[in-house]
Structures are given as C-alpha cells and as structure tokens.
Amino acid sequence: MAADSAAVSASGQEDTRTRLLTTALRLFTEHGVEGTSLQMIADALGVTKAAVYYHFKTKDEITGAVAEPGLRELDSLVEDASRLRGRNARVDHLLRGFVDIVVRHRTLMALFSRDPGVTRALTTSWTTRGSFSGTMLEILTGPEGEMNQAIAAHAAIAGIAMTGGARQFADLDDETLRAHLLDVGRRLLGRPRRR
C-alpha cells in the first residue's frame, strides 16, 4: 500500500510539474519571460506560489526547464551528426534534424525569437548550450570554413529557427513548414536539392 501511495504521489508531482511547464510556456508566449511572474503562473495553475517554489526556485529555472527538451534534442542531434562519416552526411543529417526540432517546438521557437528574457535565463540555467552551437556551425561550415560559408550557416540556422516560430506561418501545417524550411536551408547552405 505504501509503495502505491508513493507512486501516486510521485505521479501527481510529475503531473503538476508538467502542467506548470505547459502553463509557463503559454504565459511566457503571451506576456514574455520578463512580463510573467511566479504568482501569475501559480494563479493560472490554481495553486499557491509555494507550490511553484516546490518545483522551481526561480523563473530562470522554469525557463530553462521549458526549453530543456528542445535543447537536449539539439544537443543529441549535433552529437549524432558529428559521428557520421563524410561531411555531406553530417550536414544533411544536421539540417534535417534541426528543421524537425524547430517544427516540433514551434511555440518555443517563437518565444526564443521574440523574447530576450529567454536568452538571459538560459545563460544561467543551461550551461552547455555554447558547446553544441560551436560544433553545429563547424559541421555546417567545415573545419576551415570560409567567411561566406560561416555567414551562410548562421543565416540558415537563425533563419530556420526564427521562421519556424514566426506568427505569420503559425497556420501552416507541420509538413508544409518542414518542406519549405528544408528547401531554404539547402539553398542557403549550397546543398543539392533532394529528389
């Protein structure tokens, strides 16, 4: 009996944490990270501020936890791409995977591209994010990439991320958005079209 009640308690805490993160993402999207208080999150959940503090001590921790799934996917993608043999295979894998992550996390991409509070919060809560961005750009430009390759890689990554979260494309279905982002990414990176 005690084990059952512990499992229910742990499940309830996880459910509250999940609901808290979903609510925080919605409020961050509506009001920005800076414009959302812990009290607003608690009120939207119908819990006390102490209940929010039980899961997270700061808003930066919440912001990091909201972004964590996408950042972990990106980190894993970069690791997988770096293990592939041949530059073409690495670039193609990274581009396809990055577009998939952007499409899957459209709401988060919108938040990243419009809210400087996200970057500030992630600087304190996600310490490894710089490591995968450098590796990502190295994969896209090659170890001795020229300036035009580096600029194209930056434009592709930033453009794909910002476009994936852009309000004017929010009504596009995932497959249409994915196809367009891949096409633009390939063109910016000078990749041949897939048949």
N, C-alpha and C. Protein backbone atom coordinates (compact mmCIF):
# COMPACT_ATOMS: atom_id res chain seq x y z
N MET A 1 0.81 -1.18 0.00
CA MET A 1 0.00 0.00 0.00
C MET A 1 0.86 1.26 0.00
N ALA A 2 1.93 1.27 0.82
CA ALA A 2 2.80 2.44 0.91
C ALA A 2 3.48 2.70 -0.42
N ALA A 3 3.88 1.64 -1.12
CA ALA A 3 4.52 1.81 -2.42
C ALA A 3 3.55 2.41 -3.42
N ASP A 4 2.27 1.97 -3.38
CA ASP A 4 1.25 2.51 -4.28
C ASP A 4 1.04 4.00 -4.02
N SER A 5 0.95 4.41 -2.76
CA SER A 5 0.72 5.82 -2.47
C SER A 5 1.94 6.66 -2.83
N ALA A 6 3.15 6.11 -2.70
CA ALA A 6 4.35 6.83 -3.12
C ALA A 6 4.37 7.02 -4.63
N ALA A 7 3.95 5.98 -5.37
CA ALA A 7 3.89 6.10 -6.84
C ALA A 7 2.87 7.13 -7.26
N VAL A 8 1.70 7.13 -6.61
CA VAL A 8 0.66 8.12 -6.93
C VAL A 8 1.17 9.52 -6.61
N SER A 9 1.84 9.67 -5.46
CA SER A 9 2.38 10.97 -5.06
C SER A 9 3.42 11.45 -6.07
N ALA A 10 4.34 10.57 -6.47
CA ALA A 10 5.36 10.94 -7.45
C ALA A 10 4.71 11.28 -8.78
N SER A 11 3.70 10.51 -9.17
CA SER A 11 3.00 10.77 -10.42
C SER A 11 2.28 12.12 -10.37
N GLY A 12 1.66 12.41 -9.23
CA GLY A 12 0.97 13.69 -9.06
C GLY A 12 1.93 14.86 -9.12
N GLN A 13 3.14 14.69 -8.52
CA GLN A 13 4.14 15.75 -8.57
C GLN A 13 4.63 15.96 -9.99
N GLU A 14 4.84 14.86 -10.72
CA GLU A 14 5.29 14.96 -12.10
C GLU A 14 4.20 15.64 -12.94
N ASP A 15 2.95 15.27 -12.70
CA ASP A 15 1.85 15.88 -13.44
C ASP A 15 1.78 17.37 -13.14
N THR A 16 1.95 17.76 -11.89
CA THR A 16 1.95 19.18 -11.52
C THR A 16 3.11 19.90 -12.19
N ARG A 17 4.28 19.28 -12.20
CA ARG A 17 5.45 19.88 -12.84
C ARG A 17 5.21 20.06 -14.34
N THR A 18 4.65 19.04 -14.98
CA THR A 18 4.35 19.12 -16.41
C THR A 18 3.34 20.22 -16.69
N ARG A 19 2.29 20.27 -15.89
CA ARG A 19 1.27 21.33 -16.05
C ARG A 19 1.89 22.70 -15.81
N LEU A 20 2.78 22.79 -14.83
CA LEU A 20 3.44 24.05 -14.53
C LEU A 20 4.25 24.53 -15.74
N LEU A 21 5.01 23.62 -16.35
CA LEU A 21 5.83 23.99 -17.50
C LEU A 21 4.97 24.36 -18.71
N THR A 22 3.88 23.64 -18.93
CA THR A 22 2.98 23.97 -20.03
C THR A 22 2.36 25.34 -19.81
N THR A 23 1.93 25.60 -18.59
CA THR A 23 1.34 26.89 -18.25
C THR A 23 2.37 28.01 -18.39
N ALA A 24 3.58 27.77 -17.91
CA ALA A 24 4.63 28.78 -18.01
C ALA A 24 4.93 29.11 -19.47
N LEU A 25 5.01 28.11 -20.32
CA LEU A 25 5.27 28.36 -21.74
C LEU A 25 4.16 29.21 -22.35
N ARG A 26 2.91 28.89 -22.01
CA ARG A 26 1.78 29.69 -22.53
C ARG A 26 1.88 31.13 -22.05
N LEU A 27 2.14 31.32 -20.76
CA LEU A 27 2.24 32.67 -20.22
C LEU A 27 3.45 33.42 -20.76
N PHE A 28 4.58 32.72 -20.91
CA PHE A 28 5.76 33.35 -21.49
C PHE A 28 5.45 33.81 -22.91
N THR A 29 4.72 33.01 -23.66
CA THR A 29 4.36 33.35 -25.03
C THR A 29 3.44 34.58 -25.06
N GLU A 30 2.52 34.64 -24.13
CA GLU A 30 1.56 35.76 -24.07
C GLU A 30 2.18 37.04 -23.51
N HIS A 31 3.01 36.93 -22.46
CA HIS A 31 3.49 38.10 -21.73
C HIS A 31 5.00 38.30 -21.76
N GLY A 32 5.73 37.34 -22.34
CA GLY A 32 7.18 37.38 -22.29
C GLY A 32 7.67 36.83 -20.96
N VAL A 33 8.93 36.44 -20.94
CA VAL A 33 9.51 35.88 -19.71
C VAL A 33 9.53 36.96 -18.64
N GLU A 34 9.99 38.15 -19.00
CA GLU A 34 10.09 39.23 -18.02
C GLU A 34 8.71 39.66 -17.52
N GLY A 35 7.70 39.57 -18.37
CA GLY A 35 6.35 40.00 -18.00
C GLY A 35 5.53 38.96 -17.27
N THR A 36 6.09 37.79 -17.05
CA THR A 36 5.39 36.71 -16.35
C THR A 36 6.01 36.54 -14.98
N SER A 37 5.19 36.61 -13.96
CA SER A 37 5.68 36.42 -12.59
C SER A 37 5.38 35.00 -12.12
N LEU A 38 6.07 34.58 -11.08
CA LEU A 38 5.77 33.28 -10.48
C LEU A 38 4.34 33.26 -9.94
N GLN A 39 3.87 34.40 -9.46
CA GLN A 39 2.49 34.48 -8.96
C GLN A 39 1.50 34.27 -10.10
N MET A 40 1.79 34.81 -11.28
CA MET A 40 0.90 34.60 -12.44
C MET A 40 0.83 33.11 -12.79
N ILE A 41 1.96 32.44 -12.74
CA ILE A 41 2.00 31.01 -13.04
C ILE A 41 1.17 30.24 -12.01
N ALA A 42 1.37 30.58 -10.73
CA ALA A 42 0.61 29.92 -9.66
C ALA A 42 -0.88 30.16 -9.84
N ASP A 43 -1.27 31.41 -10.12
CA ASP A 43 -2.69 31.74 -10.29
C ASP A 43 -3.30 30.97 -11.46
N ALA A 44 -2.57 30.89 -12.57
CA ALA A 44 -3.08 30.18 -13.75
C ALA A 44 -3.24 28.69 -13.48
N LEU A 45 -2.39 28.15 -12.62
CA LEU A 45 -2.47 26.73 -12.26
C LEU A 45 -3.51 26.47 -11.17
N GLY A 46 -3.88 27.54 -10.44
CA GLY A 46 -4.80 27.36 -9.32
C GLY A 46 -4.11 26.78 -8.10
N VAL A 47 -2.82 27.12 -7.93
CA VAL A 47 -2.05 26.64 -6.78
C VAL A 47 -1.42 27.85 -6.09
N THR A 48 -0.80 27.61 -4.96
CA THR A 48 -0.11 28.68 -4.26
C THR A 48 1.27 28.90 -4.88
N LYS A 49 1.82 30.07 -4.61
CA LYS A 49 3.18 30.36 -5.07
C LYS A 49 4.17 29.37 -4.44
N ALA A 50 3.88 28.94 -3.21
CA ALA A 50 4.74 27.95 -2.54
C ALA A 50 4.78 26.64 -3.33
N ALA A 51 3.66 26.28 -3.95
CA ALA A 51 3.62 25.05 -4.76
C ALA A 51 4.53 25.18 -5.98
N VAL A 52 4.60 26.38 -6.55
CA VAL A 52 5.52 26.61 -7.67
C VAL A 52 6.96 26.50 -7.16
N TYR A 53 7.24 27.12 -6.00
CA TYR A 53 8.58 27.06 -5.41
C TYR A 53 9.00 25.64 -5.06
N TYR A 54 8.05 24.77 -4.82
CA TYR A 54 8.37 23.38 -4.53
C TYR A 54 9.10 22.75 -5.71
N HIS A 55 8.70 23.12 -6.92
CA HIS A 55 9.29 22.55 -8.13
C HIS A 55 10.47 23.37 -8.66
N PHE A 56 10.38 24.70 -8.56
CA PHE A 56 11.41 25.59 -9.11
C PHE A 56 11.62 26.77 -8.17
N LYS A 57 12.86 27.13 -7.95
CA LYS A 57 13.17 28.24 -7.04
C LYS A 57 13.11 29.59 -7.73
N THR A 58 13.36 29.62 -9.06
CA THR A 58 13.38 30.89 -9.77
C THR A 58 12.67 30.76 -11.12
N LYS A 59 12.34 31.90 -11.68
CA LYS A 59 11.74 31.91 -13.02
C LYS A 59 12.77 31.44 -14.06
N ASP A 60 14.05 31.75 -13.83
CA ASP A 60 15.08 31.28 -14.75
C ASP A 60 15.12 29.75 -14.79
N GLU A 61 14.93 29.10 -13.64
CA GLU A 61 14.87 27.63 -13.62
C GLU A 61 13.68 27.12 -14.42
N ILE A 62 12.55 27.81 -14.31
CA ILE A 62 11.37 27.41 -15.08
C ILE A 62 11.65 27.59 -16.57
N THR A 63 12.24 28.72 -16.94
CA THR A 63 12.55 28.99 -18.34
C THR A 63 13.49 27.92 -18.89
N GLY A 64 14.50 27.57 -18.11
CA GLY A 64 15.43 26.51 -18.53
C GLY A 64 14.72 25.18 -18.70
N ALA A 65 13.81 24.86 -17.79
CA ALA A 65 13.07 23.59 -17.86
C ALA A 65 12.11 23.57 -19.05
N VAL A 66 11.53 24.73 -19.38
CA VAL A 66 10.65 24.83 -20.55
C VAL A 66 11.45 24.56 -21.82
N ALA A 67 12.66 25.11 -21.88
CA ALA A 67 13.49 24.98 -23.08
C ALA A 67 14.27 23.67 -23.14
N GLU A 68 14.42 22.99 -22.01
CA GLU A 68 15.28 21.82 -21.93
C GLU A 68 14.99 20.72 -22.95
N PRO A 69 13.74 20.32 -23.17
CA PRO A 69 13.53 19.24 -24.15
C PRO A 69 14.08 19.57 -25.54
N GLY A 70 13.83 20.77 -26.02
CA GLY A 70 14.34 21.16 -27.33
C GLY A 70 15.85 21.25 -27.35
N LEU A 71 16.44 21.80 -26.30
CA LEU A 71 17.89 21.92 -26.24
C LEU A 71 18.56 20.56 -26.14
N ARG A 72 17.96 19.65 -25.38
CA ARG A 72 18.53 18.29 -25.28
C ARG A 72 18.45 17.58 -26.64
N GLU A 73 17.33 17.75 -27.34
CA GLU A 73 17.21 17.16 -28.68
C GLU A 73 18.28 17.71 -29.60
N LEU A 74 18.51 19.02 -29.52
CA LEU A 74 19.52 19.66 -30.37
C LEU A 74 20.91 19.15 -30.03
N ASP A 75 21.20 19.04 -28.76
CA ASP A 75 22.48 18.51 -28.32
C ASP A 75 22.70 17.10 -28.85
N SER A 76 21.68 16.26 -28.74
CA SER A 76 21.75 14.88 -29.22
C SER A 76 21.93 14.84 -30.75
N LEU A 77 21.21 15.71 -31.44
CA LEU A 77 21.33 15.78 -32.90
C LEU A 77 22.75 16.12 -33.32
N VAL A 78 23.34 17.11 -32.68
CA VAL A 78 24.70 17.52 -33.03
C VAL A 78 25.68 16.39 -32.75
N GLU A 79 25.52 15.70 -31.62
CA GLU A 79 26.38 14.55 -31.32
C GLU A 79 26.24 13.48 -32.39
N ASP A 80 25.00 13.15 -32.76
CA ASP A 80 24.77 12.13 -33.79
C ASP A 80 25.38 12.53 -35.12
N ALA A 81 25.19 13.78 -35.51
CA ALA A 81 25.73 14.25 -36.79
C ALA A 81 27.25 14.22 -36.79
N SER A 82 27.86 14.59 -35.67
CA SER A 82 29.33 14.63 -35.63
C SER A 82 29.95 13.24 -35.73
N ARG A 83 29.20 12.20 -35.42
CA ARG A 83 29.71 10.83 -35.51
C ARG A 83 29.62 10.24 -36.92
N LEU A 84 28.86 10.87 -37.79
CA LEU A 84 28.69 10.33 -39.15
C LEU A 84 29.97 10.53 -39.96
N ARG A 85 30.19 9.60 -40.87
CA ARG A 85 31.35 9.71 -41.76
C ARG A 85 30.96 10.53 -42.97
N GLY A 86 31.82 11.41 -43.35
CA GLY A 86 31.60 12.21 -44.54
C GLY A 86 30.86 13.51 -44.23
N ARG A 87 31.40 14.60 -44.71
CA ARG A 87 30.82 15.92 -44.44
C ARG A 87 29.40 16.03 -44.97
N ASN A 88 29.12 15.53 -46.17
CA ASN A 88 27.78 15.63 -46.74
C ASN A 88 26.74 14.95 -45.85
N ALA A 89 27.07 13.78 -45.34
CA ALA A 89 26.15 13.05 -44.47
C ALA A 89 25.91 13.84 -43.17
N ARG A 90 26.98 14.43 -42.63
CA ARG A 90 26.84 15.21 -41.38
C ARG A 90 25.96 16.44 -41.60
N VAL A 91 26.21 17.16 -42.68
CA VAL A 91 25.44 18.38 -42.96
C VAL A 91 23.97 18.04 -43.22
N ASP A 92 23.72 17.04 -44.05
CA ASP A 92 22.33 16.67 -44.36
C ASP A 92 21.58 16.20 -43.11
N HIS A 93 22.23 15.38 -42.29
CA HIS A 93 21.60 14.89 -41.06
C HIS A 93 21.29 16.06 -40.12
N LEU A 94 22.25 16.95 -39.97
CA LEU A 94 22.08 18.10 -39.08
C LEU A 94 20.96 19.01 -39.58
N LEU A 95 20.94 19.30 -40.86
CA LEU A 95 19.91 20.19 -41.40
C LEU A 95 18.52 19.58 -41.23
N ARG A 96 18.33 18.32 -41.63
CA ARG A 96 17.02 17.67 -41.49
C ARG A 96 16.59 17.62 -40.03
N GLY A 97 17.51 17.23 -39.16
CA GLY A 97 17.19 17.13 -37.74
C GLY A 97 16.86 18.47 -37.13
N PHE A 98 17.61 19.51 -37.50
CA PHE A 98 17.35 20.84 -36.96
C PHE A 98 15.97 21.33 -37.38
N VAL A 99 15.65 21.15 -38.64
CA VAL A 99 14.31 21.55 -39.12
C VAL A 99 13.24 20.78 -38.36
N ASP A 100 13.42 19.49 -38.15
CA ASP A 100 12.43 18.70 -37.40
C ASP A 100 12.25 19.23 -35.98
N ILE A 101 13.35 19.58 -35.32
CA ILE A 101 13.27 20.12 -33.96
C ILE A 101 12.53 21.46 -33.96
N VAL A 102 12.86 22.32 -34.91
CA VAL A 102 12.20 23.63 -34.99
C VAL A 102 10.70 23.45 -35.20
N VAL A 103 10.31 22.56 -36.09
CA VAL A 103 8.89 22.35 -36.36
C VAL A 103 8.19 21.74 -35.14
N ARG A 104 8.84 20.80 -34.50
CA ARG A 104 8.25 20.13 -33.33
C ARG A 104 8.09 21.10 -32.15
N HIS A 105 8.96 22.08 -32.05
CA HIS A 105 8.94 23.03 -30.93
C HIS A 105 8.64 24.45 -31.42
N ARG A 106 7.63 24.58 -32.26
CA ARG A 106 7.31 25.88 -32.85
C ARG A 106 7.01 26.95 -31.82
N THR A 107 6.27 26.62 -30.79
CA THR A 107 5.93 27.60 -29.76
C THR A 107 7.19 28.08 -29.05
N LEU A 108 8.07 27.16 -28.74
CA LEU A 108 9.32 27.52 -28.09
C LEU A 108 10.18 28.38 -29.02
N MET A 109 10.21 28.05 -30.31
CA MET A 109 10.97 28.84 -31.27
C MET A 109 10.43 30.27 -31.34
N ALA A 110 9.12 30.40 -31.28
CA ALA A 110 8.51 31.74 -31.29
C ALA A 110 8.99 32.53 -30.07
N LEU A 111 9.03 31.87 -28.94
CA LEU A 111 9.47 32.51 -27.72
C LEU A 111 10.95 32.90 -27.81
N PHE A 112 11.78 31.99 -28.30
CA PHE A 112 13.21 32.28 -28.45
C PHE A 112 13.44 33.48 -29.35
N SER A 113 12.71 33.56 -30.45
CA SER A 113 12.99 34.60 -31.42
C SER A 113 12.42 35.96 -31.03
N ARG A 114 11.46 36.00 -30.11
CA ARG A 114 10.84 37.28 -29.75
C ARG A 114 11.19 37.78 -28.36
N ASP A 115 11.77 36.95 -27.51
CA ASP A 115 11.91 37.34 -26.12
C ASP A 115 13.36 37.26 -25.65
N PRO A 116 14.02 38.40 -25.46
CA PRO A 116 15.40 38.37 -24.98
C PRO A 116 15.53 37.82 -23.56
N GLY A 117 14.44 37.78 -22.81
CA GLY A 117 14.48 37.22 -21.47
C GLY A 117 14.82 35.74 -21.48
N VAL A 118 14.49 35.05 -22.57
CA VAL A 118 14.80 33.62 -22.69
C VAL A 118 16.32 33.41 -22.73
N THR A 119 16.99 34.18 -23.55
CA THR A 119 18.44 34.04 -23.66
C THR A 119 19.11 34.32 -22.33
N ARG A 120 18.67 35.37 -21.63
CA ARG A 120 19.24 35.69 -20.32
C ARG A 120 19.03 34.55 -19.34
N ALA A 121 17.83 34.02 -19.32
CA ALA A 121 17.52 32.93 -18.38
C ALA A 121 18.33 31.68 -18.72
N LEU A 122 18.45 31.38 -20.00
CA LEU A 122 19.18 30.17 -20.39
C LEU A 122 20.67 30.28 -20.13
N THR A 123 21.19 31.50 -20.14
CA THR A 123 22.60 31.68 -19.84
C THR A 123 22.91 31.19 -18.43
N THR A 124 21.96 31.37 -17.51
CA THR A 124 22.20 30.94 -16.14
C THR A 124 21.77 29.50 -15.89
N SER A 125 20.81 28.98 -16.69
CA SER A 125 20.29 27.65 -16.36
C SER A 125 20.76 26.54 -17.29
N TRP A 126 21.29 26.86 -18.44
CA TRP A 126 21.72 25.82 -19.39
C TRP A 126 23.16 26.10 -19.77
N THR A 127 24.09 25.52 -19.06
CA THR A 127 25.48 25.90 -19.21
C THR A 127 26.18 25.29 -20.43
N THR A 128 25.64 24.22 -21.01
CA THR A 128 26.35 23.56 -22.12
C THR A 128 25.88 24.02 -23.49
N ARG A 129 24.96 24.97 -23.55
CA ARG A 129 24.40 25.31 -24.86
C ARG A 129 25.43 25.87 -25.83
N GLY A 130 26.48 26.51 -25.35
CA GLY A 130 27.51 27.03 -26.23
C GLY A 130 28.28 25.93 -26.92
N SER A 131 28.45 24.79 -26.28
CA SER A 131 29.25 23.72 -26.86
C SER A 131 28.62 23.15 -28.11
N PHE A 132 27.29 22.95 -28.11
CA PHE A 132 26.71 22.37 -29.32
C PHE A 132 26.57 23.40 -30.43
N SER A 133 26.43 24.68 -30.12
CA SER A 133 26.29 25.67 -31.20
C SER A 133 27.59 25.79 -31.97
N GLY A 134 28.74 25.75 -31.28
CA GLY A 134 30.02 25.80 -31.98
C GLY A 134 30.23 24.58 -32.85
N THR A 135 29.90 23.40 -32.32
CA THR A 135 30.03 22.16 -33.09
C THR A 135 29.08 22.17 -34.29
N MET A 136 27.89 22.66 -34.07
CA MET A 136 26.89 22.73 -35.14
C MET A 136 27.42 23.58 -36.30
N LEU A 137 27.95 24.75 -35.99
CA LEU A 137 28.47 25.61 -37.04
C LEU A 137 29.70 25.01 -37.71
N GLU A 138 30.53 24.31 -36.95
CA GLU A 138 31.69 23.66 -37.55
C GLU A 138 31.26 22.57 -38.53
N ILE A 139 30.22 21.81 -38.18
CA ILE A 139 29.72 20.78 -39.09
C ILE A 139 29.22 21.43 -40.38
N LEU A 140 28.51 22.53 -40.25
CA LEU A 140 27.92 23.17 -41.43
C LEU A 140 28.94 23.89 -42.30
N THR A 141 30.01 24.39 -41.70
CA THR A 141 30.99 25.16 -42.48
C THR A 141 32.25 24.37 -42.81
N GLY A 142 32.47 23.24 -42.13
CA GLY A 142 33.71 22.50 -42.31
C GLY A 142 34.76 23.07 -41.37
N PRO A 143 35.83 22.31 -41.12
CA PRO A 143 36.82 22.74 -40.13
C PRO A 143 37.53 24.04 -40.52
N GLU A 144 37.65 24.30 -41.81
CA GLU A 144 38.31 25.53 -42.26
C GLU A 144 37.37 26.32 -43.15
N GLY A 145 36.15 26.45 -42.70
CA GLY A 145 35.14 27.14 -43.49
C GLY A 145 35.51 28.58 -43.79
N GLU A 146 35.19 28.99 -44.98
CA GLU A 146 35.43 30.36 -45.39
C GLU A 146 34.35 31.25 -44.81
N MET A 147 34.61 32.56 -44.84
CA MET A 147 33.68 33.52 -44.26
C MET A 147 32.29 33.40 -44.88
N ASN A 148 32.21 33.23 -46.19
CA ASN A 148 30.88 33.13 -46.82
C ASN A 148 30.14 31.87 -46.37
N GLN A 149 30.86 30.78 -46.10
CA GLN A 149 30.22 29.56 -45.57
C GLN A 149 29.73 29.78 -44.14
N ALA A 150 30.52 30.47 -43.34
CA ALA A 150 30.12 30.76 -41.96
C ALA A 150 28.89 31.65 -41.92
N ILE A 151 28.87 32.66 -42.79
CA ILE A 151 27.71 33.56 -42.83
C ILE A 151 26.48 32.81 -43.32
N ALA A 152 26.65 31.97 -44.32
CA ALA A 152 25.52 31.17 -44.82
C ALA A 152 24.99 30.23 -43.74
N ALA A 153 25.88 29.62 -42.97
CA ALA A 153 25.46 28.71 -41.90
C ALA A 153 24.70 29.47 -40.82
N HIS A 154 25.21 30.63 -40.42
CA HIS A 154 24.50 31.44 -39.42
C HIS A 154 23.12 31.86 -39.94
N ALA A 155 23.09 32.31 -41.19
CA ALA A 155 21.82 32.74 -41.78
C ALA A 155 20.82 31.58 -41.85
N ALA A 156 21.31 30.41 -42.21
CA ALA A 156 20.43 29.24 -42.30
C ALA A 156 19.87 28.87 -40.94
N ILE A 157 20.72 28.75 -39.93
CA ILE A 157 20.27 28.33 -38.60
C ILE A 157 19.35 29.37 -37.98
N ALA A 158 19.78 30.63 -37.99
CA ALA A 158 18.94 31.68 -37.40
C ALA A 158 17.64 31.84 -38.18
N GLY A 159 17.74 31.81 -39.50
CA GLY A 159 16.55 31.97 -40.32
C GLY A 159 15.54 30.85 -40.15
N ILE A 160 16.03 29.62 -40.09
CA ILE A 160 15.14 28.48 -39.89
C ILE A 160 14.46 28.58 -38.53
N ALA A 161 15.23 28.89 -37.49
CA ALA A 161 14.66 28.99 -36.15
C ALA A 161 13.63 30.11 -36.06
N MET A 162 13.96 31.28 -36.56
CA MET A 162 13.05 32.42 -36.46
C MET A 162 11.81 32.21 -37.33
N THR A 163 11.99 31.66 -38.50
CA THR A 163 10.85 31.42 -39.38
C THR A 163 9.94 30.35 -38.81
N GLY A 164 10.52 29.32 -38.22
CA GLY A 164 9.72 28.26 -37.61
C GLY A 164 8.81 28.77 -36.51
N GLY A 165 9.23 29.83 -35.83
CA GLY A 165 8.42 30.41 -34.76
C GLY A 165 7.66 31.66 -35.15
N ALA A 166 7.73 32.04 -36.43
CA ALA A 166 7.09 33.29 -36.87
C ALA A 166 5.57 33.19 -36.84
N ARG A 167 4.94 34.24 -36.34
CA ARG A 167 3.47 34.27 -36.25
C ARG A 167 2.78 34.11 -37.60
N GLN A 168 3.36 34.72 -38.63
CA GLN A 168 2.69 34.68 -39.94
C GLN A 168 2.65 33.29 -40.56
N PHE A 169 3.45 32.35 -40.02
CA PHE A 169 3.43 30.99 -40.53
C PHE A 169 2.82 30.00 -39.55
N ALA A 170 2.22 30.51 -38.49
CA ALA A 170 1.65 29.65 -37.44
C ALA A 170 0.53 28.75 -37.97
N ASP A 171 -0.16 29.17 -39.02
CA ASP A 171 -1.25 28.36 -39.56
C ASP A 171 -0.79 27.29 -40.54
N LEU A 172 0.47 27.33 -40.94
CA LEU A 172 0.97 26.29 -41.85
C LEU A 172 1.03 24.96 -41.11
N ASP A 173 0.63 23.89 -41.78
CA ASP A 173 0.76 22.58 -41.15
C ASP A 173 2.24 22.20 -41.09
N ASP A 174 2.57 21.27 -40.21
CA ASP A 174 3.96 20.90 -39.96
C ASP A 174 4.69 20.44 -41.21
N GLU A 175 4.05 19.62 -42.03
CA GLU A 175 4.73 19.08 -43.22
C GLU A 175 5.06 20.18 -44.22
N THR A 176 4.15 21.12 -44.42
CA THR A 176 4.39 22.23 -45.35
C THR A 176 5.53 23.09 -44.84
N LEU A 177 5.48 23.45 -43.56
CA LEU A 177 6.54 24.27 -42.98
C LEU A 177 7.87 23.54 -43.08
N ARG A 178 7.89 22.26 -42.74
CA ARG A 178 9.13 21.46 -42.79
C ARG A 178 9.72 21.48 -44.20
N ALA A 179 8.89 21.26 -45.21
CA ALA A 179 9.38 21.22 -46.59
C ALA A 179 9.99 22.56 -47.00
N HIS A 180 9.32 23.65 -46.65
CA HIS A 180 9.84 24.97 -47.02
C HIS A 180 11.14 25.29 -46.27
N LEU A 181 11.19 24.97 -44.98
CA LEU A 181 12.40 25.26 -44.22
C LEU A 181 13.59 24.44 -44.73
N LEU A 182 13.34 23.18 -45.08
CA LEU A 182 14.42 22.36 -45.64
C LEU A 182 14.91 22.92 -46.97
N ASP A 183 13.99 23.34 -47.81
CA ASP A 183 14.35 23.89 -49.10
C ASP A 183 15.22 25.15 -48.94
N VAL A 184 14.78 26.05 -48.09
CA VAL A 184 15.53 27.29 -47.86
C VAL A 184 16.89 26.98 -47.23
N GLY A 185 16.91 26.07 -46.25
CA GLY A 185 18.17 25.70 -45.61
C GLY A 185 19.15 25.12 -46.61
N ARG A 186 18.68 24.25 -47.48
CA ARG A 186 19.56 23.66 -48.51
C ARG A 186 20.12 24.74 -49.43
N ARG A 187 19.25 25.68 -49.82
CA ARG A 187 19.73 26.74 -50.72
C ARG A 187 20.78 27.62 -50.03
N LEU A 188 20.53 28.00 -48.78
CA LEU A 188 21.48 28.84 -48.06
C LEU A 188 22.82 28.14 -47.85
N LEU A 189 22.75 26.83 -47.63
CA LEU A 189 23.99 26.07 -47.40
C LEU A 189 24.62 25.53 -48.67
N GLY A 190 24.01 25.83 -49.83
CA GLY A 190 24.56 25.36 -51.10
C GLY A 190 24.47 23.85 -51.26
N ARG A 191 23.41 23.26 -50.70
CA ARG A 191 23.22 21.81 -50.77
C ARG A 191 22.38 21.47 -52.00
N PRO A 192 22.65 20.33 -52.63
CA PRO A 192 21.81 19.94 -53.78
C PRO A 192 20.39 19.61 -53.33
N ARG A 193 19.44 19.84 -54.23
CA ARG A 193 18.04 19.52 -53.92
C ARG A 193 17.87 18.02 -53.85
N ARG A 194 17.04 17.57 -52.90
CA ARG A 194 16.73 16.14 -52.75
C ARG A 194 15.63 15.79 -53.74
N ARG A 195 15.78 14.64 -54.37
CA ARG A 195 14.74 14.20 -55.32
C ARG A 195 13.91 13.10 -54.73
